[in-house]
C-alpha atoms as a PDB file:
ATOM      1  CA  MET A   1    -160.494 -83.173  -9.837  1.00  0.00           C
ATOM      2  CA  ILE A   2    -160.706 -79.940 -11.770  1.00  0.00           C
ATOM      3  CA  ILE A   3    -157.695 -78.044 -10.464  1.00  0.00           C
ATOM      4  CA  SER A   4    -158.969 -74.559 -11.319  1.00  0.00           C
ATOM      5  CA  ASP A   5    -162.292 -75.257  -9.531  1.00  0.00           C
ATOM      6  CA  THR A   6    -160.402 -76.402  -6.448  1.00  0.00           C
ATOM      7  CA  VAL A   7    -158.364 -73.207  -6.560  1.00  0.00           C
ATOM      8  CA  ASP A   8    -161.588 -71.180  -6.821  1.00  0.00           C
ATOM      9  CA  ILE A   9    -162.981 -72.808  -3.675  1.00  0.00           C
ATOM     10  CA  CYS A  10    -159.781 -72.056  -1.776  1.00  0.00           C
ATOM     11  CA  LEU A  11    -159.652 -68.501  -3.114  1.00  0.00           C
ATOM     12  CA  ALA A  12    -163.215 -67.773  -2.025  1.00  0.00           C
ATOM     13  CA  GLU A  13    -162.641 -69.093   1.511  1.00  0.00           C
ATOM     14  CA  GLU A  14    -159.298 -67.324   1.873  1.00  0.00           C
ATOM     15  CA  ARG A  15    -160.821 -64.009   0.768  1.00  0.00           C
ATOM     16  CA  ARG A  16    -163.869 -64.478   3.043  1.00  0.00           C
ATOM     17  CA  VAL A  17    -161.621 -64.954   6.083  1.00  0.00           C
ATOM     18  CA  HIS A  18    -159.403 -62.038   5.024  1.00  0.00           C
ATOM     19  CA  GLU A  19    -162.380 -59.706   4.632  1.00  0.00           C
ATOM     20  CA  LEU A  20    -163.738 -60.644   8.064  1.00  0.00           C
ATOM     21  CA  GLU A  21    -160.330 -60.077   9.672  1.00  0.00           C
ATOM     22  CA  ARG A  22    -159.984 -56.734   7.929  1.00  0.00           C
ATOM     23  CA  LEU A  23    -163.449 -55.728   9.091  1.00  0.00           C
ATOM     24  CA  THR A  24    -162.696 -56.727  12.683  1.00  0.00           C
ATOM     25  CA  ASN A  25    -159.256 -55.101  12.829  1.00  0.00           C
ATOM     26  CA  GLN A  26    -160.022 -51.935  10.856  1.00  0.00           C
ATOM     27  CA  ARG A  27    -158.982 -48.515  12.105  1.00  0.00           C
ATOM     28  CA  GLU A  28    -162.308 -47.176  13.306  1.00  0.00           C
ATOM     29  CA  GLY A  29    -163.756 -43.798  12.377  1.00  0.00           C
ATOM     30  CA  TYR A  30    -161.732 -43.176   9.219  1.00  0.00           C
ATOM     31  CA  PHE A  31    -162.682 -42.991   5.551  1.00  0.00           C
ATOM     32  CA  TRP A  32    -160.562 -44.559   2.852  1.00  0.00           C
ATOM     33  CA  PRO A  33    -159.916 -42.226  -0.112  1.00  0.00           C
ATOM     34  CA  THR A  34    -161.706 -44.695  -2.423  1.00  0.00           C
ATOM     35  CA  GLU A  35    -164.817 -44.369  -0.219  1.00  0.00           C
ATOM     36  CA  CYS A  36    -165.076 -40.600  -0.659  1.00  0.00           C
ATOM     37  CA  SER A  37    -167.759 -39.516  -3.088  1.00  0.00           C
ATOM     38  CA  VAL A  38    -169.326 -36.531  -4.821  1.00  0.00           C
ATOM     39  CA  PRO A  39    -172.504 -35.924  -6.823  1.00  0.00           C
ATOM     40  CA  TYR A  40    -171.918 -35.334 -10.515  1.00  0.00           C
ATOM     41  CA  GLU A  41    -174.279 -34.197 -13.262  1.00  0.00           C
ATOM     42  CA  LEU A  42    -173.487 -36.694 -16.001  1.00  0.00           C
ATOM     43  CA  THR A  43    -175.750 -34.946 -18.475  1.00  0.00           C
ATOM     44  CA  PRO A  44    -178.543 -32.370 -17.950  1.00  0.00           C
ATOM     45  CA  GLY A  45    -181.146 -33.958 -15.706  1.00  0.00           C
ATOM     46  CA  VAL A  46    -179.064 -37.022 -14.787  1.00  0.00           C
ATOM     47  CA  LEU A  47    -177.290 -36.826 -11.427  1.00  0.00           C
ATOM     48  CA  THR A  48    -174.942 -39.683 -10.597  1.00  0.00           C
ATOM     49  CA  ASN A  49    -172.456 -40.530  -7.856  1.00  0.00           C
ATOM     50  CA  VAL A  50    -168.681 -40.627  -8.323  1.00  0.00           C
ATOM     51  CA  GLY A  51    -166.622 -42.557  -5.804  1.00  0.00           C
ATOM     52  CA  GLY A  52    -167.620 -44.947  -3.057  1.00  0.00           C
ATOM     53  CA  CYS A  53    -171.039 -46.027  -1.840  1.00  0.00           C
ATOM     54  CA  ARG A  54    -172.015 -44.337   1.427  1.00  0.00           C
ATOM     55  CA  ARG A  55    -174.264 -47.215   2.432  1.00  0.00           C
ATOM     56  CA  LYS A  56    -171.332 -49.613   2.052  1.00  0.00           C
ATOM     57  CA  VAL A  57    -169.236 -47.319   4.285  1.00  0.00           C
ATOM     58  CA  PHE A  58    -172.068 -47.354   6.844  1.00  0.00           C
ATOM     59  CA  TYR A  59    -172.008 -51.151   6.948  1.00  0.00           C
ATOM     60  CA  ARG A  60    -168.208 -51.218   7.224  1.00  0.00           C
ATOM     61  CA  TRP A  61    -168.083 -48.704  10.065  1.00  0.00           C
ATOM     62  CA  ARG A  62    -170.801 -50.696  11.867  1.00  0.00           C
ATOM     63  CA  LYS A  63    -168.748 -53.884  11.296  1.00  0.00           C
ATOM     64  CA  VAL A  64    -171.584 -55.657   9.523  1.00  0.00           C
ATOM     65  CA  GLU A  65    -170.518 -58.999   8.085  1.00  0.00           C
ATOM     66  CA  PRO A  66    -170.727 -59.051   4.257  1.00  0.00           C
ATOM     67  CA  THR A  67    -173.650 -60.986   2.833  1.00  0.00           C
ATOM     68  CA  ASN A  68    -171.971 -61.404  -0.555  1.00  0.00           C
ATOM     69  CA  PRO A  69    -168.317 -62.434  -0.165  1.00  0.00           C
ATOM     70  CA  THR A  70    -166.079 -61.725  -3.146  1.00  0.00           C
ATOM     71  CA  GLN A  71    -166.337 -64.463  -5.775  1.00  0.00           C
ATOM     72  CA  PRO A  72    -163.380 -66.206  -7.468  1.00  0.00           C
ATOM     73  CA  LYS A  73    -163.954 -64.456 -10.805  1.00  0.00           C
ATOM     74  CA  SER A  74    -163.667 -61.055  -9.145  1.00  0.00           C
ATOM     75  CA  ILE A  75    -160.727 -62.187  -7.018  1.00  0.00           C
ATOM     76  CA  ARG A  76    -158.834 -63.296 -10.121  1.00  0.00           C
ATOM     77  CA  ARG A  77    -159.568 -59.994 -11.849  1.00  0.00           C
ATOM     78  CA  MET A  78    -158.357 -57.992  -8.845  1.00  0.00           C
ATOM     79  CA  GLU A  79    -155.234 -60.122  -8.491  1.00  0.00           C
ATOM     80  CA  MET A  80    -154.367 -59.553 -12.157  1.00  0.00           C
ATOM     81  CA  GLY A  81    -154.527 -55.835 -11.467  1.00  0.00           C
ATOM     82  CA  THR A  82    -152.347 -56.278  -8.379  1.00  0.00           C
ATOM     83  CA  ILE A  83    -149.750 -58.219 -10.376  1.00  0.00           C
ATOM     84  CA  ILE A  84    -149.554 -55.406 -12.932  1.00  0.00           C
ATOM     85  CA  GLU A  85    -149.178 -52.806 -10.177  1.00  0.00           C
ATOM     86  CA  LEU A  86    -146.439 -54.808  -8.443  1.00  0.00           C
ATOM     87  CA  GLN A  87    -144.548 -55.274 -11.722  1.00  0.00           C
ATOM     88  CA  GLU A  88    -144.709 -51.561 -12.540  1.00  0.00           C
ATOM     89  CA  ARG A  89    -143.498 -50.654  -9.070  1.00  0.00           C
ATOM     90  CA  ASP A  90    -140.719 -53.227  -9.343  1.00  0.00           C
ATOM     91  CA  TRP A  91    -139.524 -51.565 -12.541  1.00  0.00           C
ATOM     92  CA  TYR A  92    -139.745 -48.108 -10.940  1.00  0.00           C
ATOM     93  CA  ARG A  93    -137.549 -49.401  -8.120  1.00  0.00           C
ATOM     94  CA  LYS A  94    -135.144 -51.264 -10.413  1.00  0.00           C
ATOM     95  CA  PHE A  95    -134.504 -48.252 -12.632  1.00  0.00           C
ATOM     96  CA  GLY A  96    -134.221 -45.767  -9.774  1.00  0.00           C
ATOM     97  CA  ILE A  97    -137.473 -43.935 -10.543  1.00  0.00           C
ATOM     98  CA  ALA A  98    -139.347 -44.564  -7.280  1.00  0.00           C
ATOM     99  CA  VAL A  99    -138.218 -42.830  -4.102  1.00  0.00           C
ATOM    100  CA  ALA A 100    -140.836 -44.448  -1.818  1.00  0.00           C
ATOM    101  CA  GLU A 101    -143.578 -47.086  -2.039  1.00  0.00           C
ATOM    102  CA  LYS A 102    -146.874 -47.776  -0.272  1.00  0.00           C
ATOM    103  CA  VAL A 103    -146.809 -44.370   1.402  1.00  0.00           C
ATOM    104  CA  LYS A 104    -149.397 -44.065   4.187  1.00  0.00           C
ATOM    105  CA  PHE A 105    -151.085 -40.871   5.372  1.00  0.00           C
ATOM    106  CA  GLN A 106    -153.723 -39.935   7.941  1.00  0.00           C
ATOM    107  CA  ASP A 107    -155.810 -36.811   8.355  1.00  0.00           C
ATOM    108  CA  HIS A 108    -157.234 -36.778  11.885  1.00  0.00           C
ATOM    109  CA  VAL A 109    -159.339 -33.695  11.203  1.00  0.00           C
ATOM    110  CA  ARG A 110    -160.971 -34.940   7.995  1.00  0.00           C
ATOM    111  CA  ARG A 111    -160.877 -38.575   9.226  1.00  0.00           C
ATOM    112  CA  VAL A 112    -159.184 -39.833   6.058  1.00  0.00           C
ATOM    113  CA  SER A 113    -156.639 -42.652   6.104  1.00  0.00           C
ATOM    114  CA  GLY A 114    -154.971 -43.926   2.946  1.00  0.00           C
ATOM    115  CA  GLU A 115    -151.955 -45.269   1.136  1.00  0.00           C
ATOM    116  CA  CYS A 116    -150.638 -44.262  -2.294  1.00  0.00           C
ATOM    117  CA  ASP A 117    -148.756 -46.669  -4.560  1.00  0.00           C
ATOM    118  CA  CYS A 118    -145.457 -44.811  -4.773  1.00  0.00           C
ATOM    119  CA  LEU A 119    -143.632 -41.502  -4.972  1.00  0.00           C
ATOM    120  CA  VAL A 120    -141.238 -40.556  -7.768  1.00  0.00           C
ATOM    121  CA  PHE A 121    -138.923 -37.641  -8.383  1.00  0.00           C
ATOM    122  CA  ASP A 122    -139.879 -35.425 -11.306  1.00  0.00           C
ATOM    123  CA  PRO A 123    -136.977 -33.083 -12.228  1.00  0.00           C
ATOM    124  CA  GLU A 124    -139.453 -30.362 -13.228  1.00  0.00           C
ATOM    125  CA  VAL A 125    -141.640 -30.233 -10.097  1.00  0.00           C
ATOM    126  CA  GLY A 126    -139.985 -32.440  -7.452  1.00  0.00           C
ATOM    127  CA  ILE A 127    -141.641 -35.326  -5.597  1.00  0.00           C
ATOM    128  CA  ILE A 128    -144.994 -36.426  -7.054  1.00  0.00           C
ATOM    129  CA  GLY A 129    -147.324 -39.317  -6.355  1.00  0.00           C
ATOM    130  CA  VAL A 130    -148.245 -42.196  -8.643  1.00  0.00           C
ATOM    131  CA  GLU A 131    -151.295 -44.448  -8.724  1.00  0.00           C
ATOM    132  CA  ILE A 132    -151.157 -47.466 -11.037  1.00  0.00           C
ATOM    133  CA  LYS A 133    -154.411 -48.757 -12.514  1.00  0.00           C
ATOM    134  CA  SER A 134    -155.278 -51.539 -14.947  1.00  0.00           C
ATOM    135  CA  TYR A 135    -158.315 -51.843 -17.194  1.00  0.00           C
ATOM    136  CA  TYR A 136    -159.859 -54.015 -19.878  1.00  0.00           C
ATOM    137  CA  GLY A 137    -162.740 -53.832 -22.350  1.00  0.00           C
ATOM    138  CA  TYR A 138    -163.859 -51.641 -25.215  1.00  0.00           C
ATOM    139  CA  LYS A 139    -165.560 -48.903 -23.174  1.00  0.00           C
ATOM    140  CA  ALA A 140    -162.581 -48.520 -20.848  1.00  0.00           C
ATOM    141  CA  GLU A 141    -160.218 -48.418 -23.831  1.00  0.00           C
ATOM    142  CA  ARG A 142    -162.344 -45.792 -25.559  1.00  0.00           C
ATOM    143  CA  ASP A 143    -162.656 -43.611 -22.463  1.00  0.00           C
ATOM    144  CA  ILE A 144    -159.085 -43.898 -21.126  1.00  0.00           C
ATOM    145  CA  GLU A 145    -157.028 -44.279 -24.302  1.00  0.00           C
ATOM    146  CA  GLY A 146    -159.304 -41.991 -26.294  1.00  0.00           C
ATOM    147  CA  LEU A 147    -160.075 -41.796 -29.992  1.00  0.00           C
ATOM    148  CA  LYS A 148    -158.414 -39.870 -32.808  1.00  0.00           C
ATOM    149  CA  SER A 149    -161.063 -37.182 -32.424  1.00  0.00           C
ATOM    150  CA  LYS A 150    -161.249 -37.256 -28.622  1.00  0.00           C
ATOM    151  CA  PRO A 151    -158.372 -37.487 -26.122  1.00  0.00           C
ATOM    152  CA  GLY A 152    -158.630 -40.047 -23.364  1.00  0.00           C
ATOM    153  CA  PHE A 153    -159.513 -39.084 -19.797  1.00  0.00           C
ATOM    154  CA  PRO A 154    -159.131 -40.784 -16.410  1.00  0.00           C
ATOM    155  CA  ARG A 155    -161.998 -42.721 -14.859  1.00  0.00           C
ATOM    156  CA  LEU A 156    -163.810 -40.243 -12.653  1.00  0.00           C
ATOM    157  CA  ASP A 157    -163.508 -42.368  -9.509  1.00  0.00           C
ATOM    158  CA  ASN A 158    -159.750 -42.618 -10.099  1.00  0.00           C
ATOM    159  CA  LEU A 159    -159.595 -38.871 -10.687  1.00  0.00           C
ATOM    160  CA  LEU A 160    -161.380 -38.204  -7.401  1.00  0.00           C
ATOM    161  CA  GLN A 161    -158.941 -40.521  -5.633  1.00  0.00           C
ATOM    162  CA  ALA A 162    -155.975 -38.606  -7.084  1.00  0.00           C
ATOM    163  CA  MET A 163    -157.572 -35.316  -6.029  1.00  0.00           C
ATOM    164  CA  MET A 164    -157.928 -36.581  -2.458  1.00  0.00           C
ATOM    165  CA  TYR A 165    -154.306 -37.738  -2.432  1.00  0.00           C
ATOM    166  CA  ILE A 166    -153.078 -34.333  -3.607  1.00  0.00           C
ATOM    167  CA  PHE A 167    -155.185 -32.547  -1.003  1.00  0.00           C
ATOM    168  CA  GLU A 168    -154.095 -34.826   1.845  1.00  0.00           C
ATOM    169  CA  THR A 169    -150.378 -35.208   1.000  1.00  0.00           C
ATOM    170  CA  LYS A 170    -149.854 -31.619  -0.228  1.00  0.00           C
ATOM    171  CA  LEU A 171    -147.820 -32.991  -3.137  1.00  0.00           C
ATOM    172  CA  PRO A 172    -147.890 -30.817  -6.287  1.00  0.00           C
ATOM    173  CA  ALA A 173    -149.222 -33.552  -8.566  1.00  0.00           C
ATOM    174  CA  PHE A 174    -150.250 -37.162  -8.966  1.00  0.00           C
ATOM    175  CA  HIS A 175    -149.860 -39.304 -12.049  1.00  0.00           C
ATOM    176  CA  LEU A 176    -152.514 -41.867 -12.927  1.00  0.00           C
ATOM    177  CA  VAL A 177    -150.733 -44.613 -14.878  1.00  0.00           C
ATOM    178  CA  TYR A 178    -153.114 -46.956 -16.709  1.00  0.00           C
ATOM    179  CA  ILE A 179    -152.077 -50.343 -18.138  1.00  0.00           C
ATOM    180  CA  ASN A 180    -154.385 -52.241 -20.505  1.00  0.00           C
ATOM    181  CA  ARG A 181    -154.566 -55.839 -19.249  1.00  0.00           C
ATOM    182  CA  GLY A 182    -155.106 -57.091 -22.801  1.00  0.00           C
ATOM    183  CA  SER A 183    -152.890 -55.052 -25.133  1.00  0.00           C
ATOM    184  CA  THR A 184    -150.522 -53.764 -22.373  1.00  0.00           C
ATOM    185  CA  LEU A 185    -150.922 -50.288 -23.887  1.00  0.00           C
ATOM    186  CA  LYS A 186    -150.131 -47.604 -21.326  1.00  0.00           C
ATOM    187  CA  THR A 187    -151.847 -44.251 -20.826  1.00  0.00           C
ATOM    188  CA  GLU A 188    -150.713 -41.660 -18.309  1.00  0.00           C
ATOM    189  CA  PHE A 189    -152.302 -38.515 -16.903  1.00  0.00           C
ATOM    190  CA  ASN A 190    -150.891 -35.731 -14.755  1.00  0.00           C
ATOM    191  CA  VAL A 191    -153.348 -34.359 -12.189  1.00  0.00           C
ATOM    192  CA  THR A 192    -153.008 -31.137 -10.195  1.00  0.00           C
ATOM    193  CA  LEU A 193    -155.508 -29.001  -8.273  1.00  0.00           C
ATOM    194  CA  ASN A 194    -156.210 -25.348  -8.986  1.00  0.00           C
ATOM    195  CA  GLY A 195    -157.084 -22.771  -6.344  1.00  0.00           C
ATOM    196  CA  GLN A 196    -160.759 -23.756  -6.331  1.00  0.00           C
ATOM    197  CA  GLY A 197    -159.980 -27.444  -5.843  1.00  0.00           C
ATOM    198  CA  PHE A 198    -160.842 -28.442  -9.420  1.00  0.00           C
ATOM    199  CA  PRO A 199    -158.516 -30.928 -11.119  1.00  0.00           C
ATOM    200  CA  VAL A 200    -156.300 -29.845 -14.008  1.00  0.00           C
ATOM    201  CA  VAL A 201    -155.707 -32.964 -16.109  1.00  0.00           C
ATOM    202  CA  SER A 202    -152.975 -33.366 -18.722  1.00  0.00           C
ATOM    203  CA  ASN A 203    -152.765 -36.311 -21.096  1.00  0.00           C
ATOM    204  CA  MET A 204    -149.051 -37.137 -21.064  1.00  0.00           C
ATOM    205  CA  HIS A 205    -149.172 -38.755 -24.521  1.00  0.00           C
ATOM    206  CA  ARG A 206    -151.057 -36.004 -26.357  1.00  0.00           C
ATOM    207  CA  PRO A 207    -150.868 -32.200 -26.178  1.00  0.00           C
ATOM    208  CA  TYR A 208    -154.081 -31.947 -24.203  1.00  0.00           C
ATOM    209  CA  THR A 209    -154.752 -30.237 -20.868  1.00  0.00           C
ATOM    210  CA  THR A 210    -158.130 -29.368 -19.406  1.00  0.00           C
ATOM    211  CA  THR A 211    -159.627 -28.140 -16.139  1.00  0.00           C
ATOM    212  CA  PHE A 212    -162.440 -30.463 -15.123  1.00  0.00           C
ATOM    213  CA  THR A 213    -165.198 -28.540 -13.339  1.00  0.00           C
ATOM    214  CA  GLY A 214    -167.651 -31.384 -12.766  1.00  0.00           C
ATOM    215  CA  PHE A 215    -166.734 -31.478  -9.078  1.00  0.00           C
ATOM    216  CA  SER A 216    -164.184 -30.007  -6.672  1.00  0.00           C
ATOM    217  CA  VAL A 217    -162.238 -31.748  -3.939  1.00  0.00           C
ATOM    218  CA  TYR A 218    -164.102 -29.493  -1.511  1.00  0.00           C
ATOM    219  CA  ASP A 219    -167.389 -31.129  -2.539  1.00  0.00           C
ATOM    220  CA  VAL A 220    -166.256 -34.309  -0.755  1.00  0.00           C
ATOM    221  CA  PHE A 221    -166.074 -33.079   2.821  1.00  0.00           C
ATOM    222  CA  PRO A 222    -169.702 -32.047   3.538  1.00  0.00           C
ATOM    223  CA  ARG A 223    -170.835 -35.518   2.416  1.00  0.00           C
ATOM    224  CA  MET A 224    -168.239 -37.177   4.643  1.00  0.00           C
ATOM    225  CA  ASP A 225    -169.317 -35.109   7.644  1.00  0.00           C
ATOM    226  CA  THR A 226    -172.989 -35.870   7.036  1.00  0.00           C
ATOM    227  CA  LEU A 227    -172.268 -39.582   6.629  1.00  0.00           C
ATOM    228  CA  ALA A 228    -170.256 -39.700   9.867  1.00  0.00           C
ATOM    229  CA  GLU A 229    -173.181 -38.086  11.705  1.00  0.00           C
ATOM    230  CA  MET A 230    -175.647 -40.575  10.169  1.00  0.00           C
ATOM    231  CA  ILE A 231    -173.471 -43.496  11.260  1.00  0.00           C
ATOM    232  CA  LEU A 232    -173.378 -42.182  14.828  1.00  0.00           C
ATOM    233  CA  ARG A 233    -177.198 -41.934  14.767  1.00  0.00           C
ATOM    234  CA  ASP A 234    -177.404 -45.426  13.248  1.00  0.00           C
ATOM    235  CA  GLU A 235    -179.280 -43.885  10.314  1.00  0.00           C
ATOM    236  CA  LEU A 236    -178.886 -45.867   7.097  1.00  0.00           C
ATOM    237  CA  PRO A 237    -177.926 -43.637   4.128  1.00  0.00           C
ATOM    238  CA  ALA A 238    -179.910 -43.754   0.917  1.00  0.00           C
ATOM    239  CA  ARG A 239    -178.528 -45.792  -1.960  1.00  0.00           C
ATOM    240  CA  ASP A 240    -175.964 -43.920  -4.040  1.00  0.00           C
ATOM    241  CA  PHE A 241    -176.326 -46.238  -7.042  1.00  0.00           C
ATOM    242  CA  GLN A 242    -179.150 -47.876  -8.977  1.00  0.00           C
ATOM    243  CA  GLU A 243    -179.736 -51.514  -9.904  1.00  0.00           C
ATOM    244  CA  ALA A 244    -181.920 -50.433 -12.820  1.00  0.00           C
ATOM    245  CA  TYR A 245    -182.195 -47.007 -14.430  1.00  0.00           C
ATOM    246  CA  PRO A 246    -185.646 -45.707 -15.385  1.00  0.00           C
ATOM    247  CA  ALA A 247    -186.348 -45.598 -19.126  1.00  0.00           C
ATOM    248  CA  ASP A 248    -185.855 -41.834 -19.499  1.00  0.00           C
ATOM    249  CA  GLU A 249    -182.476 -42.035 -17.772  1.00  0.00           C
ATOM    250  CA  ILE A 250    -181.377 -44.881 -20.050  1.00  0.00           C
ATOM    251  CA  GLU A 251    -182.246 -42.724 -23.055  1.00  0.00           C
ATOM    252  CA  ALA A 252    -180.294 -39.782 -21.614  1.00  0.00           C
ATOM    253  CA  ARG A 253    -177.280 -41.908 -20.719  1.00  0.00           C
ATOM    254  CA  TYR A 254    -177.232 -43.511 -24.153  1.00  0.00           C
ATOM    255  CA  ALA A 255    -177.457 -40.110 -25.842  1.00  0.00           C
ATOM    256  CA  CYS A 256    -174.361 -38.869 -23.968  1.00  0.00           C
ATOM    257  CA  GLY A 257    -172.374 -42.063 -24.637  1.00  0.00           C
ATOM    258  CA  ASP A 258    -172.484 -43.491 -21.112  1.00  0.00           C
ATOM    259  CA  ILE A 259    -174.363 -46.608 -22.268  1.00  0.00           C
ATOM    260  CA  SER A 260    -173.024 -48.672 -25.143  1.00  0.00           C
ATOM    261  CA  LYS A 261    -174.991 -49.306 -28.314  1.00  0.00           C
ATOM    262  CA  THR A 262    -175.001 -53.057 -27.606  1.00  0.00           C
ATOM    263  CA  ALA A 263    -176.464 -52.622 -24.107  1.00  0.00           C
ATOM    264  CA  TYR A 264    -178.994 -50.076 -25.333  1.00  0.00           C
ATOM    265  CA  GLU A 265    -180.198 -52.282 -28.178  1.00  0.00           C
ATOM    266  CA  SER A 266    -180.515 -55.254 -25.827  1.00  0.00           C
ATOM    267  CA  TRP A 267    -182.592 -53.141 -23.461  1.00  0.00           C
ATOM    268  CA  SER A 268    -184.727 -51.833 -26.335  1.00  0.00           C
ATOM    269  CA  LYS A 269    -185.607 -55.375 -27.432  1.00  0.00           C
ATOM    270  CA  SER A 270    -185.955 -57.231 -24.140  1.00  0.00           C
ATOM    271  CA  ARG A 271    -186.053 -54.460 -21.515  1.00  0.00           C
ATOM    272  CA  GLU A 272    -183.122 -56.176 -19.814  1.00  0.00           C
ATOM    273  CA  PRO A 273    -182.256 -53.855 -16.890  1.00  0.00           C
ATOM    274  CA  ILE A 274    -179.285 -51.513 -17.126  1.00  0.00           C
ATOM    275  CA  GLY A 275    -177.856 -50.085 -13.933  1.00  0.00           C
ATOM    276  CA  ASP A 276    -174.730 -49.133 -12.010  1.00  0.00           C
ATOM    277  CA  TRP A 277    -172.099 -51.861 -11.828  1.00  0.00           C
ATOM    278  CA  GLN A 278    -171.620 -51.005  -8.149  1.00  0.00           C
ATOM    279  CA  CYS A 279    -175.038 -52.599  -7.509  1.00  0.00           C
ATOM    280  CA  PHE A 280    -174.155 -55.919  -9.149  1.00  0.00           C
ATOM    281  CA  PRO A 281    -173.917 -58.894  -6.729  1.00  0.00           C
ATOM    282  CA  ASP A 282    -170.415 -59.697  -8.017  1.00  0.00           C
ATOM    283  CA  TYR A 283    -169.142 -56.262  -6.967  1.00  0.00           C
ATOM    284  CA  CYS A 284    -171.107 -55.384  -3.818  1.00  0.00           C
ATOM    285  CA  ALA A 285    -170.240 -57.213  -0.602  1.00  0.00           C
ATOM    286  CA  TYR A 286    -173.593 -56.150   0.880  1.00  0.00           C
ATOM    287  CA  TYR A 287    -175.866 -56.678  -2.116  1.00  0.00           C
ATOM    288  CA  ASP A 288    -178.349 -59.028  -0.399  1.00  0.00           C
ATOM    289  CA  LEU A 289    -178.542 -56.932   2.769  1.00  0.00           C
ATOM    290  CA  CYS A 290    -178.866 -53.669   0.851  1.00  0.00           C
ATOM    291  CA  SER A 291    -181.627 -55.140  -1.349  1.00  0.00           C
ATOM    292  CA  ARG A 292    -183.566 -56.277   1.714  1.00  0.00           C
ATOM    293  CA  GLU A 293    -183.217 -52.833   3.267  1.00  0.00           C
ATOM    294  CA  ALA A 294    -184.433 -51.236   0.022  1.00  0.00           C
ATOM    295  CA  ARG A 295    -187.520 -53.488  -0.161  1.00  0.00           C
ATOM    296  CA  SER A 296    -188.439 -52.801   3.466  1.00  0.00           C
ATOM    297  CA  ALA A 297    -187.960 -49.035   3.228  1.00  0.00           C
END
């Protein structure tokens, strides 16, 4: 037998059962911080979504069984990230940095329920939160680690998650700690919220601090309220992401650096579709169902 193939079969079945159990036993009527979302103008004329997919939340709240269970390749990738997170937290604990781990919180008014990786004591500001992330690939390295001429910046979905944690826990700051799964290079950002709910982001490795005004934490809540009402009415939300961008959007995204030169040139020659990764079958548990709904709409 091929041992790794046998492991893949077992992994897929184990994850399928786990996902069904989680769906059945979920705490009903609450959003996870990673499901919160906001609209964001990527570049003039191009509006995108940052955060979770509202249609996916609709299916979860309605306890719809996934049509596309997580595949072994994705499971392995996620587990590698989990291993890195566990190792970092183990070191935080070993060296007396962490004061608490896997800290849960619930907001019954906003209907948000979550869990942050750990809390640490910062002598300058007191207790702060930490979220540990891993990444891999040229685009992620360029965006997170930065270039000589351009400081790195957190992934926007991670930034939104940190903003939600700050708002819900009332902690003064959250650190996003990124670990490169290939080079093991680390990049760390300090995130706070100003009075208007915009994030103030500091690169901890370079003298760079900026206030990001692309979206505020207060932009999240109207969308959450609307989504909750739609779920109660059994009204399916529109798709938040696209399988394939129209040609003019591809040009605009390429011009602002959101699409790589390799992907753009491939599209230019063969018109191979470019779209949001959230709409790829490997990443969306409801891809087949969502596609059927889209075709019948």
